[in-house]
C-alpha atoms as a PDB file:
ATOM      1  CA  MET A   1       0.152  -0.157   0.129  1.00  0.00           C
ATOM      2  CA  LEU A   2       1.410   3.391  -0.439  1.00  0.00           C
ATOM      3  CA  SER A   3       2.421   5.048   1.999  1.00  0.00           C
ATOM      4  CA  LEU A   4       2.939   9.264   2.183  1.00  0.00           C
ATOM      5  CA  THR A   5       3.968  11.872   4.651  1.00  0.00           C
ATOM      6  CA  PRO A   6       2.007  14.464   6.108  1.00  0.00           C
ATOM      7  CA  ASN A   7       3.333  17.099   3.997  1.00  0.00           C
ATOM      8  CA  GLU A   8       2.634  14.928   0.670  1.00  0.00           C
ATOM      9  CA  CYS A   9      -0.639  14.347   1.782  1.00  0.00           C
ATOM     10  CA  ARG A  10      -1.442  18.242   1.824  1.00  0.00           C
ATOM     11  CA  VAL A  11       0.301  18.998  -1.273  1.00  0.00           C
ATOM     12  CA  LEU A  12      -1.605  15.668  -2.952  1.00  0.00           C
ATOM     13  CA  GLY A  13      -4.786  17.188  -2.226  1.00  0.00           C
ATOM     14  CA  VAL A  14      -4.193  20.851  -3.356  1.00  0.00           C
ATOM     15  CA  LEU A  15      -3.233  19.702  -6.865  1.00  0.00           C
ATOM     16  CA  ILE A  16      -6.234  17.019  -6.903  1.00  0.00           C
ATOM     17  CA  GLU A  17      -8.298  20.210  -5.098  1.00  0.00           C
ATOM     18  CA  LYS A  18      -7.172  22.784  -7.907  1.00  0.00           C
ATOM     19  CA  ALA A  19      -7.177  20.879 -10.687  1.00  0.00           C
ATOM     20  CA  GLN A  20     -11.284  20.221  -9.743  1.00  0.00           C
ATOM     21  CA  THR A  21     -11.933  23.721  -8.935  1.00  0.00           C
ATOM     22  CA  THR A  22      -9.543  26.365 -10.754  1.00  0.00           C
ATOM     23  CA  PRO A  23      -8.708  24.094 -13.699  1.00  0.00           C
ATOM     24  CA  GLN A  24      -7.742  27.329 -16.220  1.00  0.00           C
ATOM     25  CA  GLN A  25      -4.891  27.399 -13.477  1.00  0.00           C
ATOM     26  CA  TYR A  26      -4.295  23.737 -13.554  1.00  0.00           C
ATOM     27  CA  PRO A  27      -1.128  22.041 -13.522  1.00  0.00           C
ATOM     28  CA  LEU A  28       0.383  24.046 -10.904  1.00  0.00           C
ATOM     29  CA  THR A  29       3.285  26.190 -10.248  1.00  0.00           C
ATOM     30  CA  LEU A  30       5.787  25.816  -7.141  1.00  0.00           C
ATOM     31  CA  ASN A  31       4.447  28.966  -5.930  1.00  0.00           C
ATOM     32  CA  ALA A  32       0.853  28.202  -6.204  1.00  0.00           C
ATOM     33  CA  MET A  33       1.606  25.192  -5.018  1.00  0.00           C
ATOM     34  CA  VAL A  34       2.678  26.620  -1.658  1.00  0.00           C
ATOM     35  CA  ALA A  35       0.279  28.539  -1.699  1.00  0.00           C
ATOM     36  CA  GLY A  36      -2.565  26.120  -1.959  1.00  0.00           C
ATOM     37  CA  ALA A  37      -0.545  24.195   0.957  1.00  0.00           C
ATOM     38  CA  ASN A  38      -0.732  27.168   3.327  1.00  0.00           C
ATOM     39  CA  GLN A  39      -3.889  28.742   2.497  1.00  0.00           C
ATOM     40  CA  LYS A  40      -6.138  29.363   5.839  1.00  0.00           C
ATOM     41  CA  ASN A  41      -9.610  28.177   4.380  1.00  0.00           C
ATOM     42  CA  ASN A  42     -10.581  24.490   3.265  1.00  0.00           C
ATOM     43  CA  ARG A  43      -7.367  23.279   5.545  1.00  0.00           C
ATOM     44  CA  ASP A  44      -6.756  21.147   8.893  1.00  0.00           C
ATOM     45  CA  PRO A  45      -4.703  21.979  10.170  1.00  0.00           C
ATOM     46  CA  VAL A  46      -2.942  25.305   8.823  1.00  0.00           C
ATOM     47  CA  THR A  47       0.373  24.760   8.060  1.00  0.00           C
ATOM     48  CA  ASN A  48       3.855  26.778   6.462  1.00  0.00           C
ATOM     49  CA  ILE A  49       5.052  24.635   3.836  1.00  0.00           C
ATOM     50  CA  SER A  50       8.100  25.887   2.571  1.00  0.00           C
ATOM     51  CA  GLU A  51       9.184  26.125  -1.054  1.00  0.00           C
ATOM     52  CA  ASP A  52      11.807  23.373  -0.338  1.00  0.00           C
ATOM     53  CA  ALA A  53       9.409  21.617   1.763  1.00  0.00           C
ATOM     54  CA  ALA A  54       6.605  21.619  -1.310  1.00  0.00           C
ATOM     55  CA  LEU A  55       9.639  20.340  -3.618  1.00  0.00           C
ATOM     56  CA  GLU A  56      10.597  17.479  -1.619  1.00  0.00           C
ATOM     57  CA  SER A  57       7.228  16.593  -1.357  1.00  0.00           C
ATOM     58  CA  LEU A  58       6.231  16.629  -4.799  1.00  0.00           C
ATOM     59  CA  ASP A  59       9.879  14.349  -5.894  1.00  0.00           C
ATOM     60  CA  GLY A  60       8.819  11.997  -3.083  1.00  0.00           C
ATOM     61  CA  LEU A  61       4.924  11.540  -4.926  1.00  0.00           C
ATOM     62  CA  ARG A  62       6.673  11.329  -8.815  1.00  0.00           C
ATOM     63  CA  ALA A  63       8.904   8.524  -7.228  1.00  0.00           C
ATOM     64  CA  LYS A  64       5.213   7.166  -6.292  1.00  0.00           C
ATOM     65  CA  GLY A  65       3.396   7.831  -9.491  1.00  0.00           C
ATOM     66  CA  LEU A  66       0.993  10.235  -7.869  1.00  0.00           C
ATOM     67  CA  ALA A  67       2.442  13.293  -9.842  1.00  0.00           C
ATOM     68  CA  ARG A  68       4.884  14.255 -12.203  1.00  0.00           C
ATOM     69  CA  GLU A  69       6.353  17.773 -13.861  1.00  0.00           C
ATOM     70  CA  VAL A  70       4.727  18.804 -17.100  1.00  0.00           C
ATOM     71  CA  ALA A  71       6.571  21.248 -20.005  1.00  0.00           C
ATOM     72  CA  LEU A  72       3.524  23.592 -21.302  1.00  0.00           C
ATOM     73  CA  SER A  73       3.918  25.059 -24.368  1.00  0.00           C
ATOM     74  CA  GLY A  74       5.329  29.470 -24.165  1.00  0.00           C
ATOM     75  CA  SER A  75       5.746  28.347 -20.058  1.00  0.00           C
ATOM     76  CA  ARG A  76       8.788  29.345 -18.619  1.00  0.00           C
ATOM     77  CA  VAL A  77       8.309  27.901 -14.837  1.00  0.00           C
ATOM     78  CA  ALA A  78       8.309  23.924 -14.006  1.00  0.00           C
ATOM     79  CA  LYS A  79       3.999  23.118 -13.804  1.00  0.00           C
ATOM     80  CA  PHE A  80       2.793  20.040 -11.423  1.00  0.00           C
ATOM     81  CA  ARG A  81      -0.036  17.355 -12.178  1.00  0.00           C
ATOM     82  CA  HIS A  82      -1.239  14.342 -10.197  1.00  0.00           C
ATOM     83  CA  HIS A  83      -1.885  11.451 -11.465  1.00  0.00           C
ATOM     84  CA  ALA A  84      -3.824   9.745  -8.507  1.00  0.00           C
ATOM     85  CA  ARG A  85      -6.779   8.860 -10.020  1.00  0.00           C
ATOM     86  CA  GLU A  86      -4.893   6.682 -12.638  1.00  0.00           C
ATOM     87  CA  GLN A  87      -2.227   5.464  -9.813  1.00  0.00           C
ATOM     88  CA  LEU A  88      -5.066   4.207  -7.214  1.00  0.00           C
ATOM     89  CA  GLY A  89      -7.303   3.376  -9.570  1.00  0.00           C
ATOM     90  CA  ILE A  90     -10.536   5.740  -8.644  1.00  0.00           C
ATOM     91  CA  GLU A  91     -13.086   7.644 -10.317  1.00  0.00           C
ATOM     92  CA  THR A  92     -13.458  11.388  -9.867  1.00  0.00           C
ATOM     93  CA  PRO A  93     -16.242  10.829  -6.880  1.00  0.00           C
ATOM     94  CA  GLU A  94     -13.822   8.742  -5.078  1.00  0.00           C
ATOM     95  CA  LEU A  95     -11.260  11.090  -5.748  1.00  0.00           C
ATOM     96  CA  VAL A  96     -12.734  14.483  -4.347  1.00  0.00           C
ATOM     97  CA  LEU A  97     -13.961  12.579  -1.510  1.00  0.00           C
ATOM     98  CA  LEU A  98     -10.585  11.190  -0.620  1.00  0.00           C
ATOM     99  CA  ALA A  99      -8.828  15.100  -1.499  1.00  0.00           C
ATOM    100  CA  GLU A 100     -11.232  16.789   1.228  1.00  0.00           C
ATOM    101  CA  LEU A 101      -9.695  13.589   3.797  1.00  0.00           C
ATOM    102  CA  LEU A 102      -6.366  14.472   2.767  1.00  0.00           C
ATOM    103  CA  LEU A 103      -6.814  18.513   3.576  1.00  0.00           C
ATOM    104  CA  ARG A 104      -8.899  18.163   6.671  1.00  0.00           C
ATOM    105  CA  CYS A 105      -9.239  16.204   9.724  1.00  0.00           C
ATOM    106  CA  PRO A 106     -11.953  13.262   9.563  1.00  0.00           C
ATOM    107  CA  GLN A 107     -15.403  14.022   8.668  1.00  0.00           C
ATOM    108  CA  THR A 108     -18.733  13.089   9.048  1.00  0.00           C
ATOM    109  CA  LEU A 109     -20.840  12.145   5.893  1.00  0.00           C
ATOM    110  CA  GLY A 110     -22.751  14.856   5.750  1.00  0.00           C
ATOM    111  CA  GLU A 111     -19.608  16.856   5.965  1.00  0.00           C
ATOM    112  CA  LEU A 112     -17.824  15.657   3.378  1.00  0.00           C
ATOM    113  CA  ARG A 113     -20.582  15.678   0.832  1.00  0.00           C
ATOM    114  CA  GLY A 114     -20.946  19.665   1.680  1.00  0.00           C
ATOM    115  CA  ARG A 115     -17.752  20.246   1.100  1.00  0.00           C
ATOM    116  CA  ALA A 116     -16.092  17.349  -1.319  1.00  0.00           C
ATOM    117  CA  SER A 117     -19.198  18.732  -3.820  1.00  0.00           C
ATOM    118  CA  ARG A 118     -17.209  21.815  -4.333  1.00  0.00           C
ATOM    119  CA  MET A 119     -14.823  19.701  -6.594  1.00  0.00           C
ATOM    120  CA  HIS A 120     -17.644  17.679  -7.944  1.00  0.00           C
ATOM    121  CA  PRO A 121     -21.292  17.155  -7.796  1.00  0.00           C
ATOM    122  CA  LEU A 122     -22.280  14.585  -5.135  1.00  0.00           C
ATOM    123  CA  ASP A 123     -25.888  14.854  -5.683  1.00  0.00           C
ATOM    124  CA  THR A 124     -27.338  13.078  -2.104  1.00  0.00           C
ATOM    125  CA  LEU A 125     -26.141  11.482   0.902  1.00  0.00           C
ATOM    126  CA  ASP A 126     -26.571   8.070  -0.309  1.00  0.00           C
ATOM    127  CA  ALA A 127     -24.357   8.403  -3.291  1.00  0.00           C
ATOM    128  CA  ALA A 128     -21.805   9.744  -1.127  1.00  0.00           C
ATOM    129  CA  GLY A 129     -22.525   7.322   1.183  1.00  0.00           C
ATOM    130  CA  SER A 130     -22.047   4.785  -1.955  1.00  0.00           C
ATOM    131  CA  VAL A 131     -18.676   6.142  -2.819  1.00  0.00           C
ATOM    132  CA  LEU A 132     -17.139   6.034   0.607  1.00  0.00           C
ATOM    133  CA  GLN A 133     -17.829   2.311   1.440  1.00  0.00           C
ATOM    134  CA  GLY A 134     -16.212   1.535  -2.468  1.00  0.00           C
ATOM    135  CA  LEU A 135     -13.098   3.311  -0.781  1.00  0.00           C
ATOM    136  CA  MET A 136     -13.855   1.188   2.637  1.00  0.00           C
ATOM    137  CA  SER A 137     -14.251  -1.974   0.631  1.00  0.00           C
ATOM    138  CA  ARG A 138     -11.480  -2.531  -1.422  1.00  0.00           C
ATOM    139  CA  ALA A 139      -8.564  -4.768  -1.482  1.00  0.00           C
ATOM    140  CA  VAL A 140      -6.378  -2.327   0.145  1.00  0.00           C
ATOM    141  CA  PRO A 141      -8.805   0.076   1.913  1.00  0.00           C
ATOM    142  CA  LEU A 142      -8.101   4.253   1.145  1.00  0.00           C
ATOM    143  CA  VAL A 143     -10.517   5.196   4.134  1.00  0.00           C
ATOM    144  CA  ARG A 144     -11.941   4.163   7.242  1.00  0.00           C
ATOM    145  CA  GLU A 145     -15.043   5.014   9.656  1.00  0.00           C
ATOM    146  CA  VAL A 146     -13.747   6.588  13.153  1.00  0.00           C
ATOM    147  CA  PRO A 147     -15.370   7.605  16.265  1.00  0.00           C
ATOM    148  CA  PRO A 148     -17.487  10.125  16.167  1.00  0.00           C
ATOM    149  CA  ALA A 149     -16.146  13.449  17.069  1.00  0.00           C
ATOM    150  CA  PRO A 150     -16.768  14.479  20.834  1.00  0.00           C
ATOM    151  CA  GLY A 151     -20.578  15.798  21.687  1.00  0.00           C
ATOM    152  CA  SER A 152     -21.452  14.010  18.487  1.00  0.00           C
ATOM    153  CA  ARG A 153     -22.373  10.090  17.323  1.00  0.00           C
ATOM    154  CA  ALA A 154     -21.943  10.300  13.972  1.00  0.00           C
ATOM    155  CA  PRO A 155     -19.398   8.541  12.627  1.00  0.00           C
ATOM    156  CA  ARG A 156     -16.923   9.720  10.912  1.00  0.00           C
ATOM    157  CA  PHE A 157     -14.027   8.552   8.074  1.00  0.00           C
ATOM    158  CA  ALA A 158     -10.265   9.409   7.731  1.00  0.00           C
ATOM    159  CA  GLN A 159      -7.872   8.588   4.710  1.00  0.00           C
ATOM    160  CA  MET A 160      -5.413   5.950   4.764  1.00  0.00           C
ATOM    161  CA  LEU A 161      -2.455   7.016   2.519  1.00  0.00           C
ATOM    162  CA  CYS A 162      -1.153   8.311   6.729  1.00  0.00           C
ATOM    163  CA  PRO A 163      -3.421   7.085   8.886  1.00  0.00           C
ATOM    164  CA  ASP A 164      -1.564   9.385  11.281  1.00  0.00           C
ATOM    165  CA  LEU A 165      -2.150  12.692   9.599  1.00  0.00           C
ATOM    166  CA  HIS A 166      -4.859  13.724  12.348  1.00  0.00           C
ATOM    167  CA  PRO A 167      -5.173  13.120  15.976  1.00  0.00           C
ATOM    168  CA  LEU A 168      -8.386  10.360  15.849  1.00  0.00           C
ATOM    169  CA  HIS A 169      -9.651  11.667  19.690  1.00  0.00           C
ATOM    170  CA  GLU A 170     -10.114  15.053  18.641  1.00  0.00           C
ATOM    171  CA  GLY A 171     -13.032  16.673  16.501  1.00  0.00           C
ATOM    172  CA  GLY A 172     -11.099  19.212  14.899  1.00  0.00           C
ATOM    173  CA  ARG A 173     -12.434  22.272  13.532  1.00  0.00           C
ATOM    174  CA  SER A 174     -15.043  20.958  11.466  1.00  0.00           C
ATOM    175  CA  ALA A 175     -16.366  19.293  14.947  1.00  0.00           C
ATOM    176  CA  ALA A 176     -15.686  22.935  16.759  1.00  0.00           C
ATOM    177  CA  GLY A 177     -19.661  23.884  16.558  1.00  0.00           C
ATOM    178  CA  GLU A 178     -21.128  21.035  16.965  1.00  0.00           C
ATOM    179  CA  ALA A 179     -23.308  21.076  20.342  1.00  0.00           C
ATOM    180  CA  GLY A 180     -24.753  17.525  21.672  1.00  0.00           C
ATOM    181  CA  THR A 181     -26.246  15.369  18.905  1.00  0.00           C
ATOM    182  CA  ARG A 182     -26.962  16.883  15.706  1.00  0.00           C
ATOM    183  CA  VAL A 183     -28.646  14.395  12.927  1.00  0.00           C
ATOM    184  CA  ASP A 184     -26.663  13.692   9.893  1.00  0.00           C
ATOM    185  CA  ALA A 185     -29.376  15.225   7.900  1.00  0.00           C
ATOM    186  CA  ALA A 186     -28.718  18.601   9.571  1.00  0.00           C
ATOM    187  CA  ILE A 187     -24.979  18.187   9.533  1.00  0.00           C
ATOM    188  CA  ALA A 188     -25.222  18.166   5.461  1.00  0.00           C
ATOM    189  CA  SER A 189     -27.425  20.864   5.361  1.00  0.00           C
ATOM    190  CA  HIS A 190     -24.752  23.087   7.264  1.00  0.00           C
ATOM    191  CA  ALA A 191     -21.678  21.374   5.456  1.00  0.00           C
ATOM    192  CA  ASP A 192     -23.402  22.687   2.313  1.00  0.00           C
ATOM    193  CA  LEU A 193     -23.933  26.087   3.345  1.00  0.00           C
ATOM    194  CA  ALA A 194     -19.916  25.852   4.243  1.00  0.00           C
ATOM    195  CA  GLY A 195     -18.782  24.329   0.955  1.00  0.00           C
ATOM    196  CA  ARG A 196     -20.844  27.750  -1.167  1.00  0.00           C
ATOM    197  CA  LEU A 197     -18.525  29.186   1.569  1.00  0.00           C
ATOM    198  CA  ASP A 198     -15.385  27.594   0.998  1.00  0.00           C
ATOM    199  CA  SER A 199     -15.805  27.822  -3.068  1.00  0.00           C
ATOM    200  CA  LEU A 200     -15.886  31.741  -2.860  1.00  0.00           C
ATOM    201  CA  GLU A 201     -12.930  32.152  -0.710  1.00  0.00           C
ATOM    202  CA  GLU A 202     -11.211  29.671  -2.480  1.00  0.00           C
ATOM    203  CA  GLU A 203     -12.042  32.219  -5.713  1.00  0.00           C
ATOM    204  CA  VAL A 204     -10.880  34.816  -3.822  1.00  0.00           C
ATOM    205  CA  ALA A 205      -7.598  32.946  -3.088  1.00  0.00           C
ATOM    206  CA  GLN A 206      -6.822  32.220  -6.618  1.00  0.00           C
ATOM    207  CA  LEU A 207      -7.603  35.522  -7.920  1.00  0.00           C
ATOM    208  CA  ARG A 208      -4.789  37.047  -5.648  1.00  0.00           C
ATOM    209  CA  GLU A 209      -2.741  34.302  -7.254  1.00  0.00           C
ATOM    210  CA  MET A 210      -3.290  35.589 -10.094  1.00  0.00           C
ATOM    211  CA  VAL A 211      -3.062  39.045  -9.851  1.00  0.00           C
ATOM    212  CA  ARG A 212       0.581  38.260  -7.990  1.00  0.00           C
ATOM    213  CA  SER A 213       1.535  36.214 -10.959  1.00  0.00           C
ATOM    214  CA  LEU A 214       0.402  38.837 -13.453  1.00  0.00           C
ATOM    215  CA  THR A 215       2.356  41.481 -11.516  1.00  0.00           C
ATOM    216  CA  ASN A 216       5.501  39.520 -11.341  1.00  0.00           C
ATOM    217  CA  GLU A 217       5.251  38.981 -15.031  1.00  0.00           C
ATOM    218  CA  LEU A 218       4.930  42.130 -15.829  1.00  0.00           C
ATOM    219  CA  SER A 219       7.791  43.767 -13.717  1.00  0.00           C
ATOM    220  CA  GLY A 220      10.601  41.373 -15.186  1.00  0.00           C
ATOM    221  CA  PRO A 221      11.145  43.074 -18.685  1.00  0.00           C
ATOM    222  CA  ALA A 222      11.173  46.127 -16.585  1.00  0.00           C
ATOM    223  CA  ALA A 223      13.535  44.974 -13.775  1.00  0.00           C
ATOM    224  CA  ARG A 224      15.553  43.918 -16.750  1.00  0.00           C
END
């Protein structure tokens, strides 16, 4: 079974996320990769990965067949893309749920469905649950069920590419707002709204990256 480091998990999750949410900016430059890894929305925990650490993680992912460098016509900088779909033998619905678990702590079915839907539509809880069951029932499972967060009865799900990526006894930020016992339908409703807000924050972050990149390109000739 493939085994990833925490930084490799973050980098792979970012590659998958950006391919799905901002395909016009994909494949990613190293700068975009670092910005995506360290952004404050859709991440748990928030990190401060350096360029060297990101490059090391990309090297590890390339050695495992999960990422590669690509040369695009007209581009003067290296760009990177993931090969998780091919290497892991999964489809897009499975891919986005796995990416969500790589980028955040373990989550309930409702939270996963609401948040992963910003990358690819998951129309119902049953549909998302069926995808999760497929990931858990593989010969080498990619996802497993873990105990509910404190104060909740809803089971959570965690990725298996790096089993120690998140402490399972903590609810993390994704469960911090839960009080008492919440039925899964209510979680799904709140998570769907959170997913929409996350998408808006994602677009703002990408626009900032585009402005930064354009500024660098326009200032280059003047500097020379």
